Amino acid sequence: MSEKDKAHDEYTTAVNEGRFPEDCAVPLGDAFINGNGFIENLLTKPNNHVSHIFSHKGTVRANHWHRTDWHYAYVVRGKILYFERPVGSTEIPEPRVFTARQVFFSPPNREHAMLFAEDTDFITMARNVRLHEQHEEDVVRMPFITPELAASFLAPPSRRVESTENVVITDDDGEPD
């Protein structure tokens, strides 16, 4: 077993045993590659529900936490800004960015939200069956990524300072202090 395969196995074994890793980024094992293309195993442990989800650029999903459920998310194409924080926190966490062929994990009892920086296709693999009614019974809505906050994360910086060399501080009249 390769080092990458071992890392994936250790991560997913911990999840299945109820030991949730601190890092949400899930290591993938080595892909099998031949003349036909490749096969990449996304999850080598049991799960109970798989969904394909499409999200438009600028939209937000999740904004909740799960009482018992957990899920992996595999990005097929696009870009997700993933936010995660302890239940009850009021801080806005820095997002982790996930793009095509990356996997991340959302444990139970952690608030999380996904902001889509591009049109995105992703696949979730969950512990619980996620038909709408069962899913809603397990989630607690916590909309901490508001439309205004989402827009601010997606907006280009209005002013980017590459270096502080040769910067002159001025007061309101434009004259150097």
C-alpha atoms as a PDB file:
ATOM      1  CA  MET A   1       0.000   0.000   0.000  1.00  0.00           C
ATOM      2  CA  SER A   2       1.426   3.405  -0.995  1.00  0.00           C
ATOM      3  CA  GLU A   3       1.883   6.273   1.477  1.00  0.00           C
ATOM      4  CA  LYS A   4      -1.017   8.154  -0.144  1.00  0.00           C
ATOM      5  CA  ASP A   5      -3.257   5.060   0.136  1.00  0.00           C
ATOM      6  CA  LYS A   6      -2.244   4.662   3.808  1.00  0.00           C
ATOM      7  CA  ALA A   7      -3.062   8.318   4.540  1.00  0.00           C
ATOM      8  CA  HIS A   8      -6.511   7.930   2.951  1.00  0.00           C
ATOM      9  CA  ASP A   9      -7.150   4.693   4.851  1.00  0.00           C
ATOM     10  CA  GLU A  10      -6.097   6.228   8.184  1.00  0.00           C
ATOM     11  CA  TYR A  11      -8.324   9.284   7.664  1.00  0.00           C
ATOM     12  CA  THR A  12     -11.427   7.337   6.613  1.00  0.00           C
ATOM     13  CA  THR A  13     -10.914   4.687   9.317  1.00  0.00           C
ATOM     14  CA  ALA A  14     -10.797   7.446  11.947  1.00  0.00           C
ATOM     15  CA  VAL A  15     -14.074   8.884  10.605  1.00  0.00           C
ATOM     16  CA  ASN A  16     -15.790   5.502  10.644  1.00  0.00           C
ATOM     17  CA  GLU A  17     -14.643   5.012  14.249  1.00  0.00           C
ATOM     18  CA  GLY A  18     -16.083   8.392  15.265  1.00  0.00           C
ATOM     19  CA  ARG A  19     -12.678  10.075  15.609  1.00  0.00           C
ATOM     20  CA  PHE A  20     -13.059  13.142  13.414  1.00  0.00           C
ATOM     21  CA  PRO A  21      -9.790  14.630  12.096  1.00  0.00           C
ATOM     22  CA  GLU A  22      -9.064  18.313  12.693  1.00  0.00           C
ATOM     23  CA  ASP A  23      -8.114  18.909   9.045  1.00  0.00           C
ATOM     24  CA  CYS A  24     -11.118  18.866   6.718  1.00  0.00           C
ATOM     25  CA  ALA A  25      -8.956  18.086   3.645  1.00  0.00           C
ATOM     26  CA  VAL A  26      -9.177  14.355   2.908  1.00  0.00           C
ATOM     27  CA  PRO A  27      -6.097  12.745   1.364  1.00  0.00           C
ATOM     28  CA  LEU A  28      -6.808  10.717  -1.757  1.00  0.00           C
ATOM     29  CA  GLY A  29      -4.918   7.535  -2.500  1.00  0.00           C
ATOM     30  CA  ASP A  30      -2.967   6.886  -5.668  1.00  0.00           C
ATOM     31  CA  ALA A  31      -4.977   6.697  -8.875  1.00  0.00           C
ATOM     32  CA  PHE A  32      -4.710   3.639 -11.120  1.00  0.00           C
ATOM     33  CA  ILE A  33      -3.569   4.959 -14.487  1.00  0.00           C
ATOM     34  CA  ASN A  34      -3.359   3.138 -17.808  1.00  0.00           C
ATOM     35  CA  GLY A  35      -3.980   3.789 -21.490  1.00  0.00           C
ATOM     36  CA  ASN A  36      -7.730   4.021 -20.873  1.00  0.00           C
ATOM     37  CA  GLY A  37      -7.390   6.903 -18.395  1.00  0.00           C
ATOM     38  CA  PHE A  38      -7.499   6.635 -14.603  1.00  0.00           C
ATOM     39  CA  ILE A  39      -9.528   5.237 -11.726  1.00  0.00           C
ATOM     40  CA  GLU A  40      -9.445   7.219  -8.509  1.00  0.00           C
ATOM     41  CA  ASN A  41     -11.060   5.739  -5.401  1.00  0.00           C
ATOM     42  CA  LEU A  42     -12.855   8.557  -3.602  1.00  0.00           C
ATOM     43  CA  LEU A  43     -13.958   6.648  -0.512  1.00  0.00           C
ATOM     44  CA  THR A  44     -12.931   3.153   0.538  1.00  0.00           C
ATOM     45  CA  LYS A  45     -15.206   2.911   3.586  1.00  0.00           C
ATOM     46  CA  PRO A  46     -18.968   2.335   3.900  1.00  0.00           C
ATOM     47  CA  ASN A  47     -21.405   5.219   3.566  1.00  0.00           C
ATOM     48  CA  ASN A  48     -25.168   5.305   3.151  1.00  0.00           C
ATOM     49  CA  HIS A  49     -25.958   8.025   0.664  1.00  0.00           C
ATOM     50  CA  VAL A  50     -24.326   9.501  -2.441  1.00  0.00           C
ATOM     51  CA  SER A  51     -25.591  12.677  -4.134  1.00  0.00           C
ATOM     52  CA  HIS A  52     -24.505  14.679  -7.162  1.00  0.00           C
ATOM     53  CA  ILE A  53     -25.046  18.397  -6.546  1.00  0.00           C
ATOM     54  CA  PHE A  54     -24.722  21.334  -8.936  1.00  0.00           C
ATOM     55  CA  SER A  55     -24.415  24.904  -7.640  1.00  0.00           C
ATOM     56  CA  HIS A  56     -24.300  28.197  -9.513  1.00  0.00           C
ATOM     57  CA  LYS A  57     -21.483  30.690  -9.006  1.00  0.00           C
ATOM     58  CA  GLY A  58     -22.161  33.011  -6.079  1.00  0.00           C
ATOM     59  CA  THR A  59     -24.618  30.720  -4.272  1.00  0.00           C
ATOM     60  CA  VAL A  60     -24.266  29.377  -0.739  1.00  0.00           C
ATOM     61  CA  ARG A  61     -25.191  25.898   0.482  1.00  0.00           C
ATOM     62  CA  ALA A  62     -25.250  24.272   3.899  1.00  0.00           C
ATOM     63  CA  ASN A  63     -25.105  27.115   6.454  1.00  0.00           C
ATOM     64  CA  HIS A  64     -26.004  24.496   9.039  1.00  0.00           C
ATOM     65  CA  TRP A  65     -24.659  21.748  11.250  1.00  0.00           C
ATOM     66  CA  HIS A  66     -25.620  18.088  11.591  1.00  0.00           C
ATOM     67  CA  ARG A  67     -26.678  16.406  14.799  1.00  0.00           C
ATOM     68  CA  THR A  68     -25.454  12.938  13.726  1.00  0.00           C
ATOM     69  CA  ASP A  69     -24.631  12.996  10.026  1.00  0.00           C
ATOM     70  CA  TRP A  70     -21.254  13.584   8.414  1.00  0.00           C
ATOM     71  CA  HIS A  71     -20.283  13.809   4.777  1.00  0.00           C
ATOM     72  CA  TYR A  72     -17.400  13.850   2.382  1.00  0.00           C
ATOM     73  CA  ALA A  73     -17.562  16.164  -0.637  1.00  0.00           C
ATOM     74  CA  TYR A  74     -15.645  15.499  -3.857  1.00  0.00           C
ATOM     75  CA  VAL A  75     -15.329  18.409  -6.287  1.00  0.00           C
ATOM     76  CA  VAL A  76     -15.844  17.241  -9.872  1.00  0.00           C
ATOM     77  CA  ARG A  77     -15.438  20.714 -11.375  1.00  0.00           C
ATOM     78  CA  GLY A  78     -15.575  24.239 -10.055  1.00  0.00           C
ATOM     79  CA  LYS A  79     -14.412  25.948  -6.882  1.00  0.00           C
ATOM     80  CA  ILE A  80     -15.805  25.820  -3.339  1.00  0.00           C
ATOM     81  CA  LEU A  81     -14.929  28.139  -0.485  1.00  0.00           C
ATOM     82  CA  TYR A  82     -15.590  25.958   2.556  1.00  0.00           C
ATOM     83  CA  PHE A  83     -16.229  27.507   5.975  1.00  0.00           C
ATOM     84  CA  GLU A  84     -16.270  25.502   9.194  1.00  0.00           C
ATOM     85  CA  ARG A  85     -16.474  26.516  12.854  1.00  0.00           C
ATOM     86  CA  PRO A  86     -17.574  25.162  16.263  1.00  0.00           C
ATOM     87  CA  VAL A  87     -21.306  25.156  16.968  1.00  0.00           C
ATOM     88  CA  GLY A  88     -22.248  28.436  18.632  1.00  0.00           C
ATOM     89  CA  SER A  89     -19.218  30.380  17.425  1.00  0.00           C
ATOM     90  CA  THR A  90     -19.777  33.919  16.175  1.00  0.00           C
ATOM     91  CA  GLU A  91     -16.449  34.194  14.342  1.00  0.00           C
ATOM     92  CA  ILE A  92     -16.332  34.081  10.557  1.00  0.00           C
ATOM     93  CA  PRO A  93     -13.651  31.523   9.732  1.00  0.00           C
ATOM     94  CA  GLU A  94     -11.233  31.886   6.850  1.00  0.00           C
ATOM     95  CA  PRO A  95     -12.450  29.651   4.027  1.00  0.00           C
ATOM     96  CA  ARG A  96     -10.563  26.632   2.753  1.00  0.00           C
ATOM     97  CA  VAL A  97     -10.585  26.484  -1.052  1.00  0.00           C
ATOM     98  CA  PHE A  98     -11.330  23.193  -2.802  1.00  0.00           C
ATOM     99  CA  THR A  99     -11.195  22.643  -6.564  1.00  0.00           C
ATOM    100  CA  ALA A 100     -11.527  19.743  -9.004  1.00  0.00           C
ATOM    101  CA  ARG A 101     -10.382  16.337  -7.742  1.00  0.00           C
ATOM    102  CA  GLN A 102     -10.184  17.386  -4.087  1.00  0.00           C
ATOM    103  CA  VAL A 103     -12.169  15.933  -1.179  1.00  0.00           C
ATOM    104  CA  PHE A 104     -13.155  17.540   2.118  1.00  0.00           C
ATOM    105  CA  PHE A 105     -15.006  16.272   5.187  1.00  0.00           C
ATOM    106  CA  SER A 106     -17.755  17.836   7.329  1.00  0.00           C
ATOM    107  CA  PRO A 107     -18.126  16.173  10.751  1.00  0.00           C
ATOM    108  CA  PRO A 108     -21.229  16.266  12.937  1.00  0.00           C
ATOM    109  CA  ASN A 109     -21.594  19.121  15.420  1.00  0.00           C
ATOM    110  CA  ARG A 110     -19.577  21.624  13.324  1.00  0.00           C
ATOM    111  CA  GLU A 111     -21.249  24.547  11.564  1.00  0.00           C
ATOM    112  CA  HIS A 112     -20.303  24.614   7.903  1.00  0.00           C
ATOM    113  CA  ALA A 113     -21.127  26.478   4.722  1.00  0.00           C
ATOM    114  CA  MET A 114     -20.065  26.285   1.084  1.00  0.00           C
ATOM    115  CA  LEU A 115     -19.733  29.333  -1.159  1.00  0.00           C
ATOM    116  CA  PHE A 116     -19.357  28.614  -4.860  1.00  0.00           C
ATOM    117  CA  ALA A 117     -16.775  30.804  -6.578  1.00  0.00           C
ATOM    118  CA  GLU A 118     -17.601  29.138  -9.926  1.00  0.00           C
ATOM    119  CA  ASP A 119     -20.394  26.977 -11.288  1.00  0.00           C
ATOM    120  CA  THR A 120     -19.606  23.739  -9.446  1.00  0.00           C
ATOM    121  CA  ASP A 121     -20.445  20.041  -9.632  1.00  0.00           C
ATOM    122  CA  PHE A 122     -19.663  18.012  -6.552  1.00  0.00           C
ATOM    123  CA  ILE A 123     -20.535  14.639  -5.056  1.00  0.00           C
ATOM    124  CA  THR A 124     -21.359  14.064  -1.404  1.00  0.00           C
ATOM    125  CA  MET A 125     -20.990  10.734   0.385  1.00  0.00           C
ATOM    126  CA  ALA A 126     -22.804  10.697   3.724  1.00  0.00           C
ATOM    127  CA  ARG A 127     -23.236   8.593   6.840  1.00  0.00           C
ATOM    128  CA  ASN A 128     -27.038   8.989   6.966  1.00  0.00           C
ATOM    129  CA  VAL A 129     -29.658   8.487   4.295  1.00  0.00           C
ATOM    130  CA  ARG A 130     -30.284  11.989   2.984  1.00  0.00           C
ATOM    131  CA  LEU A 131     -33.743  11.991   1.538  1.00  0.00           C
ATOM    132  CA  HIS A 132     -35.092  15.481   2.148  1.00  0.00           C
ATOM    133  CA  GLU A 133     -37.226  14.709   5.208  1.00  0.00           C
ATOM    134  CA  GLN A 134     -34.527  12.679   7.006  1.00  0.00           C
ATOM    135  CA  HIS A 135     -31.872  15.245   6.156  1.00  0.00           C
ATOM    136  CA  GLU A 136     -33.936  18.143   7.527  1.00  0.00           C
ATOM    137  CA  GLU A 137     -34.540  16.267  10.801  1.00  0.00           C
ATOM    138  CA  ASP A 138     -30.767  16.073  11.334  1.00  0.00           C
ATOM    139  CA  VAL A 139     -29.720  19.623  10.431  1.00  0.00           C
ATOM    140  CA  VAL A 140     -29.815  22.805  12.458  1.00  0.00           C
ATOM    141  CA  ARG A 141     -29.860  25.879  10.192  1.00  0.00           C
ATOM    142  CA  MET A 142     -27.238  28.469  11.102  1.00  0.00           C
ATOM    143  CA  PRO A 143     -26.947  30.999   8.248  1.00  0.00           C
ATOM    144  CA  PHE A 144     -23.592  32.543   9.130  1.00  0.00           C
ATOM    145  CA  ILE A 145     -22.532  33.146   5.515  1.00  0.00           C
ATOM    146  CA  THR A 146     -25.007  35.866   4.538  1.00  0.00           C
ATOM    147  CA  PRO A 147     -25.475  37.086   0.954  1.00  0.00           C
ATOM    148  CA  GLU A 148     -23.507  40.244   1.819  1.00  0.00           C
ATOM    149  CA  LEU A 149     -20.645  38.272   3.335  1.00  0.00           C
ATOM    150  CA  ALA A 150     -20.630  35.886   0.373  1.00  0.00           C
ATOM    151  CA  ALA A 151     -20.405  38.814  -2.040  1.00  0.00           C
ATOM    152  CA  SER A 152     -17.487  40.266  -0.086  1.00  0.00           C
ATOM    153  CA  PHE A 153     -15.543  36.979  -0.327  1.00  0.00           C
ATOM    154  CA  LEU A 154     -16.139  36.819  -4.089  1.00  0.00           C
ATOM    155  CA  ALA A 155     -15.444  40.500  -4.840  1.00  0.00           C
ATOM    156  CA  PRO A 156     -12.019  41.363  -6.237  1.00  0.00           C
ATOM    157  CA  PRO A 157      -9.882  43.326  -3.805  1.00  0.00           C
ATOM    158  CA  SER A 158     -10.429  47.040  -4.373  1.00  0.00           C
ATOM    159  CA  ARG A 159      -6.839  47.811  -3.546  1.00  0.00           C
ATOM    160  CA  ARG A 160      -4.040  45.301  -3.440  1.00  0.00           C
ATOM    161  CA  VAL A 161      -0.763  46.257  -1.823  1.00  0.00           C
ATOM    162  CA  GLU A 162       2.042  44.120  -3.218  1.00  0.00           C
ATOM    163  CA  SER A 163       4.731  45.868  -1.225  1.00  0.00           C
ATOM    164  CA  THR A 164       4.958  48.610   1.383  1.00  0.00           C
ATOM    165  CA  GLU A 165       8.128  49.972  -0.232  1.00  0.00           C
ATOM    166  CA  ASN A 166       7.694  53.557  -1.454  1.00  0.00           C
ATOM    167  CA  VAL A 167       4.281  53.938   0.222  1.00  0.00           C
ATOM    168  CA  VAL A 168       3.593  57.496   1.393  1.00  0.00           C
ATOM    169  CA  ILE A 169       0.986  57.996   4.109  1.00  0.00           C
ATOM    170  CA  THR A 170      -1.143  61.102   3.523  1.00  0.00           C
ATOM    171  CA  ASP A 171      -3.818  62.843   5.539  1.00  0.00           C
ATOM    172  CA  ASP A 172      -7.240  63.852   4.227  1.00  0.00           C
ATOM    173  CA  ASP A 173      -5.904  66.764   2.145  1.00  0.00           C
ATOM    174  CA  GLY A 174      -3.551  64.496   0.197  1.00  0.00           C
ATOM    175  CA  GLU A 175      -0.409  65.991   1.734  1.00  0.00           C
ATOM    176  CA  PRO A 176       2.170  63.671   3.328  1.00  0.00           C
ATOM    177  CA  ASP A 177       1.876  63.477   7.139  1.00  0.00           C
END
